[in-house]
Amino acid sequence: MKKPKAFLVSLGCAKNTVDSERVLGLLKEKYQLTDDPSEAELILVNTCG
């Protein structure tokens, strides 16, 4: 079965990069990661609060 595609963009501080890497690690279990948001069924935006 083909996995849905996910795209993540991280905006803001350096801590977001660490958080985004953790999220990407979790997403890889159920999603195929893509660098093209137009291909993605799931788009996540990680920002500073």
PDB file of N, CA and C in Angstrom:
ATOM      1  N   MET A   1       0.848  -1.184   0.000  1.00  0.00           N
ATOM      2  CA  MET A   1       0.000   0.000   0.000  1.00  0.00           C
ATOM      3  C   MET A   1       0.890   1.242   0.000  1.00  0.00           C
ATOM      4  N   LYS A   2       0.532   2.187  -0.841  1.00  0.00           N
ATOM      5  CA  LYS A   2       1.305   3.413  -0.963  1.00  0.00           C
ATOM      6  C   LYS A   2       1.007   4.353   0.203  1.00  0.00           C
ATOM      7  N   LYS A   3       2.067   4.900   0.785  1.00  0.00           N
ATOM      8  CA  LYS A   3       1.904   5.837   1.900  1.00  0.00           C
ATOM      9  C   LYS A   3       1.505   7.216   1.366  1.00  0.00           C
ATOM     10  N   PRO A   4       0.658   7.953   2.104  1.00  0.00           N
ATOM     11  CA  PRO A   4       0.375   9.335   1.720  1.00  0.00           C
ATOM     12  C   PRO A   4       1.633  10.184   1.916  1.00  0.00           C
ATOM     13  N   LYS A   5       1.692  11.298   1.216  1.00  0.00           N
ATOM     14  CA  LYS A   5       2.873  12.164   1.293  1.00  0.00           C
ATOM     15  C   LYS A   5       2.654  13.291   2.293  1.00  0.00           C
ATOM     16  N   ALA A   6       3.752  13.660   2.977  1.00  0.00           N
ATOM     17  CA  ALA A   6       3.719  14.732   3.968  1.00  0.00           C
ATOM     18  C   ALA A   6       4.847  15.720   3.694  1.00  0.00           C
ATOM     19  N   PHE A   7       4.553  16.982   3.952  1.00  0.00           N
ATOM     20  CA  PHE A   7       5.517  18.073   3.798  1.00  0.00           C
ATOM     21  C   PHE A   7       5.536  18.862   5.092  1.00  0.00           C
ATOM     22  N   LEU A   8       6.729  19.197   5.573  1.00  0.00           N
ATOM     23  CA  LEU A   8       6.851  19.989   6.793  1.00  0.00           C
ATOM     24  C   LEU A   8       7.722  21.199   6.517  1.00  0.00           C
ATOM     25  N   VAL A   9       7.246  22.369   6.939  1.00  0.00           N
ATOM     26  CA  VAL A   9       8.042  23.590   6.847  1.00  0.00           C
ATOM     27  C   VAL A   9       8.253  24.096   8.266  1.00  0.00           C
ATOM     28  N   SER A  10       9.492  24.474   8.564  1.00  0.00           N
ATOM     29  CA  SER A  10       9.850  24.955   9.897  1.00  0.00           C
ATOM     30  C   SER A  10      10.233  26.426   9.794  1.00  0.00           C
ATOM     31  N   LEU A  11       9.526  27.270  10.528  1.00  0.00           N
ATOM     32  CA  LEU A  11       9.768  28.711  10.513  1.00  0.00           C
ATOM     33  C   LEU A  11      10.135  29.175  11.919  1.00  0.00           C
ATOM     34  N   GLY A  12      11.083  30.090  12.017  1.00  0.00           N
ATOM     35  CA  GLY A  12      11.371  30.666  13.326  1.00  0.00           C
ATOM     36  C   GLY A  12      12.714  30.268  13.893  1.00  0.00           C
ATOM     37  N   CYS A  13      12.715  30.017  15.193  1.00  0.00           N
ATOM     38  CA  CYS A  13      13.948  29.847  15.961  1.00  0.00           C
ATOM     39  C   CYS A  13      14.617  28.491  15.736  1.00  0.00           C
ATOM     40  N   ALA A  14      15.842  28.375  16.249  1.00  0.00           N
ATOM     41  CA  ALA A  14      16.627  27.145  16.098  1.00  0.00           C
ATOM     42  C   ALA A  14      15.965  25.951  16.776  1.00  0.00           C
ATOM     43  N   LYS A  15      15.240  26.173  17.856  1.00  0.00           N
ATOM     44  CA  LYS A  15      14.560  25.066  18.542  1.00  0.00           C
ATOM     45  C   LYS A  15      13.546  24.405  17.609  1.00  0.00           C
ATOM     46  N   ASN A  16      12.971  25.182  16.723  1.00  0.00           N
ATOM     47  CA  ASN A  16      12.023  24.608  15.761  1.00  0.00           C
ATOM     48  C   ASN A  16      12.679  23.554  14.884  1.00  0.00           C
ATOM     49  N   THR A  17      13.943  23.735  14.559  1.00  0.00           N
ATOM     50  CA  THR A  17      14.643  22.751  13.739  1.00  0.00           C
ATOM     51  C   THR A  17      14.713  21.415  14.463  1.00  0.00           C
ATOM     52  N   VAL A  18      15.033  21.457  15.745  1.00  0.00           N
ATOM     53  CA  VAL A  18      15.090  20.235  16.553  1.00  0.00           C
ATOM     54  C   VAL A  18      13.705  19.603  16.630  1.00  0.00           C
ATOM     55  N   ASP A  19      12.696  20.408  16.914  1.00  0.00           N
ATOM     56  CA  ASP A  19      11.322  19.898  16.992  1.00  0.00           C
ATOM     57  C   ASP A  19      10.891  19.290  15.655  1.00  0.00           C
ATOM     58  N   SER A  20      11.218  19.957  14.566  1.00  0.00           N
ATOM     59  CA  SER A  20      10.833  19.469  13.241  1.00  0.00           C
ATOM     60  C   SER A  20      11.496  18.129  12.932  1.00  0.00           C
ATOM     61  N   GLU A  21      12.745  17.963  13.315  1.00  0.00           N
ATOM     62  CA  GLU A  21      13.432  16.687  13.092  1.00  0.00           C
ATOM     63  C   GLU A  21      12.746  15.559  13.852  1.00  0.00           C
ATOM     64  N   ARG A  22      12.290  15.833  15.054  1.00  0.00           N
ATOM     65  CA  ARG A  22      11.573  14.817  15.835  1.00  0.00           C
ATOM     66  C   ARG A  22      10.245  14.460  15.173  1.00  0.00           C
ATOM     67  N   VAL A  23       9.526  15.480  14.718  1.00  0.00           N
ATOM     68  CA  VAL A  23       8.243  15.252  14.049  1.00  0.00           C
ATOM     69  C   VAL A  23       8.452  14.453  12.760  1.00  0.00           C
ATOM     70  N   LEU A  24       9.476  14.807  11.990  1.00  0.00           N
ATOM     71  CA  LEU A  24       9.755  14.072  10.749  1.00  0.00           C
ATOM     72  C   LEU A  24      10.052  12.602  11.034  1.00  0.00           C
ATOM     73  N   GLY A  25      10.764  12.347  12.117  1.00  0.00           N
ATOM     74  CA  GLY A  25      11.045  10.967  12.498  1.00  0.00           C
ATOM     75  C   GLY A  25       9.780  10.175  12.756  1.00  0.00           C
ATOM     76  N   LEU A  26       8.803  10.807  13.389  1.00  0.00           N
ATOM     77  CA  LEU A  26       7.522  10.151  13.656  1.00  0.00           C
ATOM     78  C   LEU A  26       6.695   9.997  12.378  1.00  0.00           C
ATOM     79  N   LEU A  27       6.718  11.021  11.539  1.00  0.00           N
ATOM     80  CA  LEU A  27       5.939  10.979  10.299  1.00  0.00           C
ATOM     81  C   LEU A  27       6.401   9.875   9.360  1.00  0.00           C
ATOM     82  N   LYS A  28       7.697   9.577   9.355  1.00  0.00           N
ATOM     83  CA  LYS A  28       8.244   8.581   8.431  1.00  0.00           C
ATOM     84  C   LYS A  28       7.605   7.209   8.598  1.00  0.00           C
ATOM     85  N   GLU A  29       7.048   6.951   9.766  1.00  0.00           N
ATOM     86  CA  GLU A  29       6.419   5.654   9.999  1.00  0.00           C
ATOM     87  C   GLU A  29       5.164   5.465   9.142  1.00  0.00           C
ATOM     88  N   LYS A  30       4.419   6.542   8.919  1.00  0.00           N
ATOM     89  CA  LYS A  30       3.124   6.439   8.227  1.00  0.00           C
ATOM     90  C   LYS A  30       3.059   7.214   6.909  1.00  0.00           C
ATOM     91  N   TYR A  31       4.025   8.102   6.672  1.00  0.00           N
ATOM     92  CA  TYR A  31       3.992   8.969   5.497  1.00  0.00           C
ATOM     93  C   TYR A  31       5.290   8.883   4.715  1.00  0.00           C
ATOM     94  N   GLN A  32       5.182   9.137   3.430  1.00  0.00           N
ATOM     95  CA  GLN A  32       6.358   9.345   2.597  1.00  0.00           C
ATOM     96  C   GLN A  32       6.625  10.846   2.627  1.00  0.00           C
ATOM     97  N   LEU A  33       7.832  11.253   2.983  1.00  0.00           N
ATOM     98  CA  LEU A  33       8.151  12.673   3.066  1.00  0.00           C
ATOM     99  C   LEU A  33       8.465  13.207   1.674  1.00  0.00           C
ATOM    100  N   THR A  34       8.049  14.448   1.432  1.00  0.00           N
ATOM    101  CA  THR A  34       8.295  15.086   0.145  1.00  0.00           C
ATOM    102  C   THR A  34       8.819  16.499   0.363  1.00  0.00           C
ATOM    103  N   ASP A  35       9.620  16.970  -0.593  1.00  0.00           N
ATOM    104  CA  ASP A  35      10.113  18.349  -0.571  1.00  0.00           C
ATOM    105  C   ASP A  35       9.209  19.276  -1.380  1.00  0.00           C
ATOM    106  N   ASP A  36       8.170  18.719  -1.958  1.00  0.00           N
ATOM    107  CA  ASP A  36       7.258  19.485  -2.808  1.00  0.00           C
ATOM    108  C   ASP A  36       5.874  19.542  -2.160  1.00  0.00           C
ATOM    109  N   PRO A  37       5.490  20.704  -1.611  1.00  0.00           N
ATOM    110  CA  PRO A  37       4.191  20.788  -0.934  1.00  0.00           C
ATOM    111  C   PRO A  37       3.000  20.504  -1.848  1.00  0.00           C
ATOM    112  N   SER A  38       3.156  20.705  -3.154  1.00  0.00           N
ATOM    113  CA  SER A  38       2.035  20.439  -4.062  1.00  0.00           C
ATOM    114  C   SER A  38       1.734  18.942  -4.187  1.00  0.00           C
ATOM    115  N   GLU A  39       2.671  18.087  -3.798  1.00  0.00           N
ATOM    116  CA  GLU A  39       2.465  16.634  -3.827  1.00  0.00           C
ATOM    117  C   GLU A  39       1.857  16.107  -2.532  1.00  0.00           C
ATOM    118  N   ALA A  40       1.873  16.910  -1.478  1.00  0.00           N
ATOM    119  CA  ALA A  40       1.554  16.424  -0.131  1.00  0.00           C
ATOM    120  C   ALA A  40       0.060  16.378   0.156  1.00  0.00           C
ATOM    121  N   GLU A  41      -0.341  15.286   0.815  1.00  0.00           N
ATOM    122  CA  GLU A  41      -1.694  15.194   1.357  1.00  0.00           C
ATOM    123  C   GLU A  41      -1.754  15.840   2.740  1.00  0.00           C
ATOM    124  N   LEU A  42      -0.599  15.912   3.404  1.00  0.00           N
ATOM    125  CA  LEU A  42      -0.496  16.519   4.732  1.00  0.00           C
ATOM    126  C   LEU A  42       0.604  17.564   4.704  1.00  0.00           C
ATOM    127  N   ILE A  43       0.265  18.801   5.110  1.00  0.00           N
ATOM    128  CA  ILE A  43       1.255  19.872   5.218  1.00  0.00           C
ATOM    129  C   ILE A  43       1.252  20.362   6.658  1.00  0.00           C
ATOM    130  N   LEU A  44       2.433  20.319   7.280  1.00  0.00           N
ATOM    131  CA  LEU A  44       2.588  20.811   8.648  1.00  0.00           C
ATOM    132  C   LEU A  44       3.466  22.051   8.629  1.00  0.00           C
ATOM    133  N   VAL A  45       3.084  23.058   9.420  1.00  0.00           N
ATOM    134  CA  VAL A  45       3.873  24.272   9.566  1.00  0.00           C
ATOM    135  C   VAL A  45       4.250  24.384  11.032  1.00  0.00           C
ATOM    136  N   ASN A  46       5.543  24.387  11.313  1.00  0.00           N
ATOM    137  CA  ASN A  46       6.052  24.488  12.676  1.00  0.00           C
ATOM    138  C   ASN A  46       6.614  25.897  12.869  1.00  0.00           C
ATOM    139  N   THR A  47       6.047  26.649  13.818  1.00  0.00           N
ATOM    140  CA  THR A  47       6.478  28.028  14.063  1.00  0.00           C
ATOM    141  C   THR A  47       6.754  28.249  15.542  1.00  0.00           C
ATOM    142  N   CYS A  48       7.411  29.357  15.837  1.00  0.00           N
ATOM    143  CA  CYS A  48       7.601  29.771  17.233  1.00  0.00           C
ATOM    144  C   CYS A  48       6.276  30.315  17.757  1.00  0.00           C
ATOM    145  N   GLY A  49       6.049  30.123  19.028  1.00  0.00           N
ATOM    146  CA  GLY A  49       4.769  30.425  19.626  1.00  0.00           C
ATOM    147  C   GLY A  49       4.516  31.825  19.981  1.00  0.00           C
TER     148      GLY A  49
END
